[in-house]
Amino acid sequence: MKTQRPISSDDEHRVLQFRPRTSPTPGGNRGNGTVQPLRVAPEPLDLSRYERPRAEPDEFRHRMLANIAALAFTIALTAIGIWLAVSIADLRRTQDCVLMGRRDCAKITTPHI
């Protein structure tokens, strides 16, 4: 099979020259070809200007107790989920055994005397 390429002429291909922006504001001093130094911000660039004064200081003890309570709740929820999954799997196994017509499906424990 022969591949077909479109016929192209040199008029279709152009190389565009990209120049870096010289001014920080768009539209300012365009086309004069002079390079201007970047303006430095007069104030330091930190997050102190976004801080809000608090009426009360942070209570780290309360925060730690809340974190411990959340961790205990998460562990309890995970344990209950695992127990539930094991119980459902056991019930399913027993149900499959009964539906197959077997007789020894349920585990019977005898007391030790």
N, C-alpha and C. Protein backbone atom coordinates (compact mmCIF):
# COMPACT_ATOMS: atom_id res chain seq x y z
N MET A 1 0.83 -1.17 0.00
CA MET A 1 0.00 0.00 0.00
C MET A 1 0.88 1.24 0.00
N LYS A 2 0.54 2.17 -0.80
CA LYS A 2 1.34 3.38 -0.93
C LYS A 2 0.77 4.48 -0.05
N THR A 3 1.65 5.14 0.71
CA THR A 3 1.18 6.23 1.54
C THR A 3 1.16 7.51 0.74
N GLN A 4 0.15 8.30 0.97
CA GLN A 4 0.01 9.55 0.25
C GLN A 4 0.29 10.70 1.20
N ARG A 5 1.12 11.58 0.79
CA ARG A 5 1.43 12.77 1.56
C ARG A 5 0.84 13.97 0.85
N PRO A 6 0.32 14.91 1.61
CA PRO A 6 -0.22 16.11 0.96
C PRO A 6 0.93 16.94 0.37
N ILE A 7 0.60 17.56 -0.72
CA ILE A 7 1.59 18.43 -1.36
C ILE A 7 1.61 19.74 -0.59
N SER A 8 2.80 20.15 -0.15
CA SER A 8 2.91 21.39 0.60
C SER A 8 3.94 22.29 -0.06
N SER A 9 3.71 23.55 0.11
CA SER A 9 4.66 24.51 -0.44
C SER A 9 5.34 25.23 0.71
N ASP A 10 6.36 26.00 0.42
CA ASP A 10 7.09 26.73 1.44
C ASP A 10 6.27 27.87 2.03
N ASP A 11 5.21 28.29 1.36
CA ASP A 11 4.38 29.38 1.86
C ASP A 11 3.55 28.96 3.08
N GLU A 12 3.29 27.67 3.22
CA GLU A 12 2.46 27.20 4.32
C GLU A 12 3.23 27.11 5.64
N HIS A 13 4.54 27.03 5.59
CA HIS A 13 5.34 26.86 6.80
C HIS A 13 5.95 28.19 7.20
N ARG A 14 5.70 28.57 8.45
CA ARG A 14 6.27 29.80 8.98
C ARG A 14 6.88 29.52 10.34
N VAL A 15 7.97 30.14 10.63
CA VAL A 15 8.58 30.04 11.94
C VAL A 15 8.30 31.36 12.65
N LEU A 16 7.63 31.26 13.78
CA LEU A 16 7.30 32.45 14.55
C LEU A 16 8.35 32.66 15.62
N GLN A 17 8.76 33.88 15.78
CA GLN A 17 9.75 34.21 16.78
C GLN A 17 9.02 34.65 18.05
N PHE A 18 9.26 33.91 19.13
CA PHE A 18 8.66 34.25 20.41
C PHE A 18 9.68 35.00 21.25
N ARG A 19 9.27 36.16 21.70
CA ARG A 19 10.16 36.97 22.54
C ARG A 19 9.64 36.95 23.96
N PRO A 20 10.52 36.93 24.96
CA PRO A 20 10.04 36.98 26.35
C PRO A 20 9.46 38.35 26.65
N ARG A 21 8.51 38.36 27.53
CA ARG A 21 7.90 39.62 27.94
C ARG A 21 8.91 40.42 28.74
N THR A 22 8.94 41.70 28.46
CA THR A 22 9.92 42.53 29.15
C THR A 22 9.30 43.36 30.25
N SER A 23 8.01 43.58 30.24
CA SER A 23 7.38 44.38 31.28
C SER A 23 6.43 43.50 32.07
N PRO A 24 6.29 43.74 33.38
CA PRO A 24 5.41 42.90 34.19
C PRO A 24 3.93 43.15 33.91
N THR A 25 3.58 44.32 33.36
CA THR A 25 2.18 44.59 33.05
C THR A 25 1.97 44.42 31.55
N PRO A 26 0.88 43.73 31.15
CA PRO A 26 0.65 43.56 29.72
C PRO A 26 0.29 44.89 29.06
N GLY A 27 0.80 45.08 27.89
CA GLY A 27 0.49 46.28 27.12
C GLY A 27 1.39 47.46 27.41
N GLY A 28 2.23 47.38 28.40
CA GLY A 28 3.09 48.51 28.75
C GLY A 28 4.42 48.45 28.01
N ASN A 29 4.78 49.52 27.31
CA ASN A 29 6.04 49.65 26.58
C ASN A 29 6.28 48.48 25.63
N ARG A 30 5.31 48.22 24.78
CA ARG A 30 5.46 47.12 23.84
C ARG A 30 6.24 47.57 22.62
N GLY A 31 7.09 46.68 22.18
CA GLY A 31 7.75 46.88 20.91
C GLY A 31 8.94 47.81 20.91
N ASN A 32 9.36 48.37 22.04
CA ASN A 32 10.50 49.28 21.99
C ASN A 32 11.81 48.52 22.09
N GLY A 33 11.80 47.23 22.45
CA GLY A 33 13.00 46.41 22.42
C GLY A 33 13.92 46.59 23.61
N THR A 34 13.53 47.35 24.61
CA THR A 34 14.40 47.53 25.77
C THR A 34 13.99 46.54 26.86
N VAL A 35 14.94 46.03 27.57
CA VAL A 35 14.69 45.10 28.64
C VAL A 35 14.72 45.86 29.95
N GLN A 36 13.62 45.74 30.71
CA GLN A 36 13.52 46.43 31.98
C GLN A 36 13.69 45.42 33.11
N PRO A 37 14.34 45.83 34.19
CA PRO A 37 14.49 44.89 35.31
C PRO A 37 13.14 44.67 35.99
N LEU A 38 13.00 43.48 36.59
CA LEU A 38 11.77 43.16 37.30
C LEU A 38 11.67 44.00 38.57
N ARG A 39 10.46 44.38 38.89
CA ARG A 39 10.24 45.17 40.09
C ARG A 39 10.19 44.25 41.30
N VAL A 40 10.81 44.66 42.37
CA VAL A 40 10.84 43.88 43.60
C VAL A 40 9.74 44.39 44.52
N ALA A 41 9.01 43.46 45.12
CA ALA A 41 7.92 43.84 46.01
C ALA A 41 8.50 44.53 47.25
N PRO A 42 7.89 45.62 47.71
CA PRO A 42 8.44 46.34 48.85
C PRO A 42 8.29 45.56 50.17
N GLU A 43 7.28 44.71 50.31
CA GLU A 43 7.09 43.98 51.55
C GLU A 43 7.50 42.52 51.36
N PRO A 44 7.90 41.85 52.43
CA PRO A 44 8.34 40.47 52.29
C PRO A 44 7.16 39.56 51.93
N LEU A 45 7.45 38.51 51.19
CA LEU A 45 6.40 37.58 50.75
C LEU A 45 6.25 36.46 51.77
N ASP A 46 5.64 36.74 52.88
CA ASP A 46 5.36 35.71 53.87
C ASP A 46 3.86 35.68 54.14
N LEU A 47 3.43 34.79 55.00
CA LEU A 47 2.01 34.62 55.26
C LEU A 47 1.50 35.43 56.45
N SER A 48 2.32 36.30 56.98
CA SER A 48 1.91 37.06 58.16
C SER A 48 0.75 38.01 57.86
N ARG A 49 0.64 38.45 56.64
CA ARG A 49 -0.46 39.38 56.34
C ARG A 49 -1.81 38.67 56.29
N TYR A 50 -1.81 37.32 56.19
CA TYR A 50 -3.06 36.57 56.15
C TYR A 50 -3.47 36.05 57.53
N GLU A 51 -2.63 36.23 58.53
CA GLU A 51 -2.97 35.76 59.87
C GLU A 51 -4.01 36.67 60.50
N ARG A 52 -4.91 36.03 61.26
CA ARG A 52 -5.92 36.79 61.98
C ARG A 52 -5.63 36.69 63.47
N PRO A 53 -5.83 37.74 64.19
CA PRO A 53 -5.62 37.64 65.64
C PRO A 53 -6.71 36.78 66.27
N ARG A 54 -6.31 35.93 67.20
CA ARG A 54 -7.25 35.03 67.86
C ARG A 54 -7.62 35.59 69.23
N ALA A 55 -8.87 35.38 69.59
CA ALA A 55 -9.33 35.83 70.90
C ALA A 55 -8.77 34.94 72.00
N GLU A 56 -8.65 33.62 71.70
CA GLU A 56 -8.15 32.66 72.68
C GLU A 56 -6.98 31.90 72.08
N PRO A 57 -6.03 31.51 72.89
CA PRO A 57 -4.93 30.69 72.36
C PRO A 57 -5.42 29.27 72.07
N ASP A 58 -4.66 28.54 71.27
CA ASP A 58 -5.02 27.17 70.95
C ASP A 58 -4.94 26.29 72.19
N GLU A 59 -5.89 25.37 72.31
CA GLU A 59 -5.88 24.43 73.41
C GLU A 59 -5.37 23.09 72.86
N PHE A 60 -4.08 22.85 73.04
CA PHE A 60 -3.48 21.65 72.48
C PHE A 60 -3.96 20.40 73.20
N ARG A 61 -4.25 20.50 74.49
CA ARG A 61 -4.74 19.34 75.22
C ARG A 61 -6.10 18.90 74.67
N HIS A 62 -6.98 19.86 74.44
CA HIS A 62 -8.30 19.54 73.87
C HIS A 62 -8.15 18.95 72.47
N ARG A 63 -7.25 19.50 71.68
CA ARG A 63 -7.04 19.00 70.32
C ARG A 63 -6.51 17.57 70.35
N MET A 64 -5.57 17.28 71.26
CA MET A 64 -5.03 15.92 71.37
C MET A 64 -6.10 14.93 71.83
N LEU A 65 -6.94 15.34 72.78
CA LEU A 65 -8.02 14.46 73.21
C LEU A 65 -9.01 14.18 72.08
N ALA A 66 -9.30 15.19 71.30
CA ALA A 66 -10.19 15.00 70.15
C ALA A 66 -9.56 14.07 69.12
N ASN A 67 -8.26 14.20 68.90
CA ASN A 67 -7.57 13.31 67.95
C ASN A 67 -7.57 11.87 68.46
N ILE A 68 -7.35 11.68 69.76
CA ILE A 68 -7.37 10.33 70.32
C ILE A 68 -8.76 9.72 70.22
N ALA A 69 -9.79 10.53 70.49
CA ALA A 69 -11.16 10.04 70.36
C ALA A 69 -11.48 9.66 68.91
N ALA A 70 -11.03 10.45 67.98
CA ALA A 70 -11.26 10.14 66.57
C ALA A 70 -10.53 8.87 66.16
N LEU A 71 -9.31 8.68 66.66
CA LEU A 71 -8.55 7.47 66.36
C LEU A 71 -9.24 6.24 66.96
N ALA A 72 -9.72 6.35 68.21
CA ALA A 72 -10.43 5.23 68.84
C ALA A 72 -11.70 4.88 68.08
N PHE A 73 -12.43 5.89 67.64
CA PHE A 73 -13.64 5.66 66.85
C PHE A 73 -13.32 4.97 65.54
N THR A 74 -12.24 5.40 64.88
CA THR A 74 -11.85 4.79 63.62
C THR A 74 -11.43 3.34 63.80
N ILE A 75 -10.69 3.05 64.87
CA ILE A 75 -10.27 1.67 65.14
C ILE A 75 -11.49 0.80 65.45
N ALA A 76 -12.43 1.32 66.25
CA ALA A 76 -13.64 0.56 66.58
C ALA A 76 -14.47 0.30 65.33
N LEU A 77 -14.60 1.30 64.48
CA LEU A 77 -15.37 1.13 63.24
C LEU A 77 -14.72 0.11 62.33
N THR A 78 -13.40 0.11 62.25
CA THR A 78 -12.68 -0.87 61.43
C THR A 78 -12.85 -2.27 61.99
N ALA A 79 -12.76 -2.43 63.31
CA ALA A 79 -12.93 -3.74 63.93
C ALA A 79 -14.34 -4.28 63.71
N ILE A 80 -15.34 -3.42 63.84
CA ILE A 80 -16.72 -3.85 63.59
C ILE A 80 -16.90 -4.25 62.12
N GLY A 81 -16.30 -3.51 61.21
CA GLY A 81 -16.40 -3.86 59.79
C GLY A 81 -15.75 -5.20 59.48
N ILE A 82 -14.59 -5.47 60.09
CA ILE A 82 -13.93 -6.75 59.86
C ILE A 82 -14.75 -7.89 60.45
N TRP A 83 -15.27 -7.70 61.68
CA TRP A 83 -16.13 -8.72 62.30
C TRP A 83 -17.36 -9.00 61.44
N LEU A 84 -17.98 -7.95 60.92
CA LEU A 84 -19.17 -8.11 60.08
C LEU A 84 -18.84 -8.86 58.79
N ALA A 85 -17.71 -8.56 58.17
CA ALA A 85 -17.32 -9.25 56.94
C ALA A 85 -17.06 -10.73 57.19
N VAL A 86 -16.41 -11.05 58.31
CA VAL A 86 -16.14 -12.46 58.64
C VAL A 86 -17.45 -13.19 58.93
N SER A 87 -18.37 -12.54 59.65
CA SER A 87 -19.66 -13.17 59.96
C SER A 87 -20.47 -13.42 58.70
N ILE A 88 -20.50 -12.47 57.81
CA ILE A 88 -21.25 -12.65 56.56
C ILE A 88 -20.62 -13.77 55.73
N ALA A 89 -19.29 -13.85 55.68
CA ALA A 89 -18.63 -14.92 54.93
C ALA A 89 -18.95 -16.28 55.54
N ASP A 90 -19.00 -16.36 56.88
CA ASP A 90 -19.33 -17.62 57.53
C ASP A 90 -20.77 -18.03 57.26
N LEU A 91 -21.69 -17.08 57.35
CA LEU A 91 -23.10 -17.39 57.04
C LEU A 91 -23.27 -17.81 55.58
N ARG A 92 -22.53 -17.19 54.68
CA ARG A 92 -22.61 -17.56 53.27
C ARG A 92 -22.09 -18.98 53.04
N ARG A 93 -20.99 -19.30 53.73
CA ARG A 93 -20.42 -20.63 53.62
C ARG A 93 -21.43 -21.68 54.11
N THR A 94 -22.07 -21.38 55.25
CA THR A 94 -23.07 -22.30 55.80
C THR A 94 -24.27 -22.42 54.87
N GLN A 95 -24.72 -21.33 54.31
CA GLN A 95 -25.87 -21.36 53.40
C GLN A 95 -25.54 -22.15 52.13
N ASP A 96 -24.34 -21.97 51.60
CA ASP A 96 -23.94 -22.74 50.42
C ASP A 96 -23.91 -24.23 50.72
N CYS A 97 -23.45 -24.60 51.92
CA CYS A 97 -23.39 -25.99 52.32
C CYS A 97 -24.80 -26.59 52.41
N VAL A 98 -25.74 -25.85 53.01
CA VAL A 98 -27.11 -26.33 53.15
C VAL A 98 -27.77 -26.46 51.78
N LEU A 99 -27.53 -25.50 50.90
CA LEU A 99 -28.15 -25.54 49.57
C LEU A 99 -27.60 -26.67 48.71
N MET A 100 -26.40 -27.17 49.04
CA MET A 100 -25.85 -28.31 48.30
C MET A 100 -26.43 -29.63 48.82
N GLY A 101 -27.15 -29.59 49.92
CA GLY A 101 -27.80 -30.79 50.45
C GLY A 101 -26.94 -31.55 51.44
N ARG A 102 -25.92 -30.99 51.94
CA ARG A 102 -25.07 -31.67 52.91
C ARG A 102 -25.71 -31.61 54.28
N ARG A 103 -25.31 -32.51 55.16
CA ARG A 103 -25.92 -32.58 56.48
C ARG A 103 -25.03 -32.01 57.58
N ASP A 104 -23.75 -31.98 57.38
CA ASP A 104 -22.84 -31.56 58.45
C ASP A 104 -22.37 -30.12 58.26
N CYS A 105 -23.29 -29.21 58.05
CA CYS A 105 -22.93 -27.83 57.73
C CYS A 105 -22.67 -27.00 58.97
N ALA A 106 -23.49 -27.17 59.99
CA ALA A 106 -23.36 -26.34 61.19
C ALA A 106 -22.32 -26.95 62.12
N LYS A 107 -21.52 -26.10 62.73
CA LYS A 107 -20.54 -26.58 63.69
C LYS A 107 -21.23 -26.69 65.04
N ILE A 108 -21.18 -27.88 65.62
CA ILE A 108 -21.79 -28.12 66.92
C ILE A 108 -20.67 -28.29 67.92
N THR A 109 -20.71 -27.47 68.93
CA THR A 109 -19.68 -27.57 69.97
C THR A 109 -20.24 -28.37 71.13
N THR A 110 -19.43 -29.24 71.67
CA THR A 110 -19.85 -30.02 72.81
C THR A 110 -19.16 -29.49 74.06
N PRO A 111 -19.86 -29.41 75.15
CA PRO A 111 -19.23 -28.92 76.38
C PRO A 111 -18.26 -29.95 76.93
N HIS A 112 -17.17 -29.49 77.44
CA HIS A 112 -16.17 -30.38 78.04
C HIS A 112 -16.49 -30.51 79.53
N ILE A 113 -16.71 -31.72 79.93
CA ILE A 113 -17.02 -31.95 81.35
C ILE A 113 -15.83 -32.55 82.05
